[in-house]
Protein backbone atom coordinates (compact mmCIF):
# COMPACT_ATOMS: atom_id res chain seq x y z
CA UNK A 1 4.08 -10.34 -19.65
CA UNK A 2 1.31 -9.23 -22.02
CA UNK A 3 2.89 -11.05 -24.99
CA UNK A 4 2.73 -14.40 -23.21
CA UNK A 5 6.41 -14.39 -22.31
CA UNK A 6 7.83 -15.27 -18.91
CA UNK A 7 10.23 -13.06 -16.93
CA UNK A 8 12.06 -14.78 -14.09
CA UNK A 9 15.24 -15.29 -12.10
CA UNK A 10 16.43 -18.22 -10.04
CA UNK A 11 17.28 -18.07 -6.32
CA UNK A 12 20.13 -15.63 -6.90
CA UNK A 13 21.07 -15.04 -10.50
CA UNK A 14 20.47 -13.07 -13.70
CA UNK A 15 17.05 -11.86 -14.84
CA UNK A 16 15.75 -13.48 -18.01
CA UNK A 17 12.78 -13.37 -20.35
CA UNK A 18 11.65 -16.24 -22.56
CA UNK A 19 8.96 -16.10 -25.21
CA UNK A 20 5.73 -18.08 -25.29
CA UNK A 21 7.74 -20.64 -27.30
CA UNK A 22 10.47 -20.77 -24.61
CA UNK A 23 13.02 -18.92 -26.75
CA UNK A 24 15.23 -16.45 -24.89
CA UNK A 25 14.17 -12.84 -25.55
CA UNK A 26 16.70 -11.13 -23.28
CA UNK A 27 18.91 -11.77 -20.27
CA UNK A 28 20.41 -9.31 -17.77
CA UNK A 29 23.64 -10.77 -16.40
CA UNK A 30 24.82 -7.48 -14.94
CA UNK A 31 23.36 -8.11 -11.49
CA UNK A 32 22.34 -10.94 -9.21
CA UNK A 33 18.61 -10.79 -8.49
CA UNK A 34 16.88 -12.45 -5.55
CA UNK A 35 13.48 -12.73 -3.89
CA UNK A 36 10.72 -10.40 -5.10
CA UNK A 37 9.80 -9.74 -8.74
CA UNK A 38 6.76 -7.53 -9.42
CA UNK A 39 5.34 -5.50 -12.33
CA UNK A 40 4.38 -1.83 -11.91
CA UNK A 41 1.71 0.27 -13.63
CA UNK A 42 3.99 1.01 -16.62
CA UNK A 43 4.96 -2.62 -17.24
CA UNK A 44 8.41 -2.16 -15.70
CA UNK A 45 9.78 -4.70 -13.23
CA UNK A 46 10.84 -4.18 -9.61
CA UNK A 47 13.31 -6.71 -8.25
CA UNK A 48 15.66 -7.18 -5.30
CA UNK A 49 19.41 -7.17 -5.89
CA UNK A 50 22.64 -6.16 -4.13
CA UNK A 51 25.21 -3.41 -4.59
CA UNK A 52 28.85 -4.46 -5.12
CA UNK A 53 31.10 -2.82 -4.14
CA UNK A 54 29.18 -1.01 -1.40
CA UNK A 55 30.18 1.94 0.76
CA UNK A 56 29.11 -0.18 3.74
CA UNK A 57 31.75 -2.82 3.03
CA UNK A 58 34.50 -0.52 4.35
CA UNK A 59 32.57 -0.05 7.58
CA UNK A 60 31.09 -3.50 8.15
CA UNK A 61 33.09 -5.93 6.04
CA UNK A 62 30.80 -8.60 4.57
CA UNK A 63 27.68 -6.44 4.64
CA UNK A 64 24.76 -7.42 2.38
CA UNK A 65 23.81 -4.12 0.77
CA UNK A 66 20.43 -5.09 -0.68
CA UNK A 67 18.95 -2.79 -3.30
CA UNK A 68 15.65 -2.16 -5.06
CA UNK A 69 16.03 -2.26 -8.86
CA UNK A 70 13.65 -1.14 -11.62
CA UNK A 71 14.07 -2.79 -15.01
CA UNK A 72 12.51 -1.77 -18.32
CA UNK A 73 10.35 -4.23 -20.31
CA UNK A 74 13.51 -4.97 -22.31
CA UNK A 75 15.48 -5.89 -19.19
CA UNK A 76 17.58 -2.71 -18.78
CA UNK A 77 18.23 -1.36 -15.27
CA UNK A 78 16.79 2.17 -15.08
CA UNK A 79 16.92 2.75 -11.30
CA UNK A 80 18.70 1.28 -8.29
CA UNK A 81 18.76 2.29 -4.63
CA UNK A 82 20.22 0.70 -1.51
CA UNK A 83 17.57 -0.06 1.13
CA UNK A 84 20.18 0.70 3.81
CA UNK A 85 20.64 4.15 2.27
CA UNK A 86 16.86 4.63 2.12
CA UNK A 87 16.61 3.94 5.86
CA UNK A 88 19.68 5.98 6.79
CA UNK A 89 18.68 9.00 4.68
CA UNK A 90 15.20 9.01 6.23
CA UNK A 91 16.39 8.92 9.84
CA UNK A 92 15.99 5.18 10.47
CA UNK A 93 19.65 4.20 10.45
CA UNK A 94 19.38 2.92 14.02
CA UNK A 95 17.29 0.01 12.76
CA UNK A 96 20.39 -1.16 10.89
CA UNK A 97 23.43 0.13 12.70
CA UNK A 98 22.08 0.13 16.25
CA UNK A 99 21.65 -3.65 16.09
CA UNK A 100 24.49 -5.86 17.34
CA UNK A 101 26.01 -7.90 14.54
CA UNK A 102 23.46 -7.11 11.80
CA UNK A 103 25.21 -7.68 8.46
CA UNK A 104 22.19 -8.68 6.35
CA UNK A 105 19.04 -6.48 6.52
CA UNK A 106 17.53 -8.94 4.02
CA UNK A 107 15.19 -7.27 1.55
CA UNK A 108 12.60 -9.84 0.46
CA UNK A 109 9.62 -8.04 -1.10
CA UNK A 110 8.97 -4.95 -3.24
CA UNK A 111 5.31 -4.29 -4.05
CA UNK A 112 4.50 -1.34 -6.36
CA UNK A 113 1.22 0.52 -5.84
CA UNK A 114 -0.90 0.35 -8.99
CA UNK A 115 -3.40 3.04 -7.91
CA UNK A 116 -3.51 6.22 -5.81
CA UNK A 117 -5.50 6.34 -2.57
CA UNK A 118 -5.55 8.59 0.48
CA UNK A 119 -2.70 6.56 1.98
CA UNK A 120 -0.36 5.94 -0.95
CA UNK A 121 0.37 7.18 -4.44
CA UNK A 122 0.62 5.15 -7.63
CA UNK A 123 4.19 3.85 -8.01
CA UNK A 124 4.93 4.00 -4.26
CA UNK A 125 6.72 0.85 -3.10
CA UNK A 126 5.74 -1.36 -0.18
CA UNK A 127 9.04 -2.87 0.99
CA UNK A 128 9.67 -5.75 3.42
CA UNK A 129 13.04 -6.02 5.21
CA UNK A 130 13.06 -9.32 7.07
CA UNK A 131 15.95 -9.22 9.52
CA UNK A 132 14.78 -5.98 11.14
CA UNK A 133 11.10 -7.09 11.10
CA UNK A 134 10.21 -3.88 9.27
CA UNK A 135 7.76 -2.96 6.50
CA UNK A 136 7.83 0.49 4.93
CA UNK A 137 6.19 2.56 2.20
CA UNK A 138 8.75 4.33 0.01
CA UNK A 139 8.12 7.03 -2.59
CA UNK A 140 10.86 6.89 -5.27
CA UNK A 141 9.80 10.24 -6.79
CA UNK A 142 10.80 12.07 -3.57
CA UNK A 143 13.10 9.40 -2.09
CA UNK A 144 11.07 9.60 1.13
CA UNK A 145 9.69 6.95 3.48
CA UNK A 146 6.05 7.93 3.96
CA UNK A 147 5.18 5.14 6.43
CA UNK A 148 7.17 2.56 8.40
CA UNK A 149 6.34 -0.05 11.02
CA UNK A 150 8.54 -2.52 12.90
CA UNK A 151 6.57 -5.53 14.21
CA UNK A 152 4.44 -6.94 15.72
CA UNK A 153 5.38 -9.49 12.99
CA UNK A 154 8.79 -11.11 13.29
CA UNK A 155 11.08 -11.90 10.32
CA UNK A 156 8.21 -11.38 7.87
CA UNK A 157 7.76 -12.08 4.17
CA UNK A 158 5.30 -10.84 1.55
CA UNK A 159 3.72 -7.47 2.34
CA UNK A 160 0.73 -6.59 0.10
CA UNK A 161 -1.62 -3.66 -0.39
CA UNK A 162 -5.14 -4.43 0.84
CA UNK A 163 -8.15 -2.40 -0.29
CA UNK A 164 -7.54 1.34 -0.37
CA UNK A 165 -6.31 1.87 3.20
CA UNK A 166 -4.57 -1.25 4.42
CA UNK A 167 -1.70 -3.65 4.02
CA UNK A 168 -1.23 -7.31 4.90
CA UNK A 169 1.98 -8.91 6.12
CA UNK A 170 2.93 -12.60 6.30
CA UNK A 171 4.61 -12.93 9.68
CA UNK A 172 6.88 -15.97 9.92
CA UNK A 173 7.10 -15.05 13.62
CA UNK A 174 10.35 -16.88 14.33
CA UNK A 175 13.36 -15.79 16.35
CA UNK A 176 16.54 -15.30 14.36
CA UNK A 177 20.03 -15.79 15.71
CA UNK A 178 22.48 -15.00 12.94
CA UNK A 179 21.19 -16.71 9.81
CA UNK A 180 19.33 -19.47 11.67
CA UNK A 181 15.60 -19.08 12.40
CA UNK A 182 13.98 -21.10 15.14
CA UNK A 183 10.47 -21.20 16.63
CA UNK A 184 9.36 -18.55 19.06
CA UNK A 185 7.72 -20.76 21.65
CA UNK A 186 4.75 -22.52 20.08
CA UNK A 187 3.95 -19.74 17.62
CA UNK A 188 2.75 -20.52 14.11
CA UNK A 189 2.87 -18.14 11.16
CA UNK A 190 0.30 -15.36 11.05
CA UNK A 191 -1.10 -12.81 8.61
CA UNK A 192 -1.31 -9.28 9.98
CA UNK A 193 -3.80 -6.70 8.67
CA UNK A 194 -2.74 -3.08 9.21
CA UNK A 195 -5.40 -0.35 8.89
CA UNK A 196 -3.45 2.75 7.86
CA UNK A 197 -6.41 4.97 8.74
CA UNK A 198 -6.70 3.89 12.39
CA UNK A 199 -3.32 2.29 12.93
CA UNK A 200 -5.04 -0.86 14.22
CA UNK A 201 -3.29 -4.17 13.58
CA UNK A 202 -5.47 -7.30 13.53
CA UNK A 203 -4.99 -11.02 12.87
CA UNK A 204 -8.39 -12.30 11.69
CA UNK A 205 -6.97 -15.64 10.52
CA UNK A 206 -5.03 -16.43 13.71
CA UNK A 207 -7.27 -19.33 14.76
CA UNK A 208 -7.21 -20.82 11.26
CA UNK A 209 -3.42 -20.57 11.06
CA UNK A 210 -3.16 -22.27 14.45
CA UNK A 211 -5.58 -25.08 13.62
CA UNK A 212 -3.87 -25.69 10.26
CA UNK A 213 -0.46 -25.60 12.02
CA UNK A 214 1.13 -23.31 9.40
CA UNK A 215 4.84 -23.18 10.31
CA UNK A 216 7.11 -21.74 7.63
CA UNK A 217 10.38 -20.62 9.30
CA UNK A 218 11.58 -18.91 6.10
CA UNK A 219 9.86 -17.81 2.87
CA UNK A 220 6.07 -18.25 2.61
CA UNK A 221 3.47 -16.21 0.70
CA UNK A 222 -0.06 -15.01 1.37
CA UNK A 223 -2.86 -13.76 -0.85
CA UNK A 224 -6.07 -12.34 0.61
CA UNK A 225 -9.07 -13.13 -1.59
CA UNK A 226 -12.33 -11.18 -1.49
CA UNK A 227 -13.21 -7.83 0.06
CA UNK A 228 -15.76 -8.54 2.79
CA UNK A 229 -16.10 -12.34 2.85
CA UNK A 230 -12.36 -12.85 3.15
CA UNK A 231 -10.43 -15.99 2.30
CA UNK A 232 -6.71 -16.58 2.57
CA UNK A 233 -4.41 -18.45 0.19
CA UNK A 234 -1.11 -19.51 1.80
CA UNK A 235 2.02 -20.91 0.22
CA UNK A 236 3.70 -22.83 3.03
CA UNK A 237 7.35 -23.46 2.27
């Protein structure tokens, strides 16, 4: 944060802030947070959590009802919404409930837009849902999905805004059977560039990923550096 403090959570646990001197400033034990943690244009935090009890538990038993959560700079929850409800309310329920045996959609990234362009508004959220290989753009102010795409990535992590008309997606590109990922043939990971203006999907780093033999079955992060002379920073897990 701007005061030199550190806001964090462990793999699945409370959210906490420590000062620059490592003293605890606040801790939110009210929810279990996992995966993504990002800061929006107002200095609030967006994090992944789960809803307990969930209305889906009565229908599907041990269903993982992942949610997007907004926390204030002081660690208070100010907004929460189930990603399953987001999909169902926007007409995409078949991605969840038309799949045999899907009990964990698996939210793993929430990226707030910091600016407004022709293709998104400031404070829109770019959301990655791994187990349905889907990335979507959600507008909390209207509770509408304004863009959604399933594949060509498989079981992806880390969707980012790119320039003023694109997004990038880290495709783990593995097959998933239950909770176990395994390689899809001889595929390595890939980074997909989606041009929202033309709809074209490209993989300009495919040869580099292949030659470097980047194979992260789960997790993994990507950061595109530069605007024209592009470079790629990969965290291989």
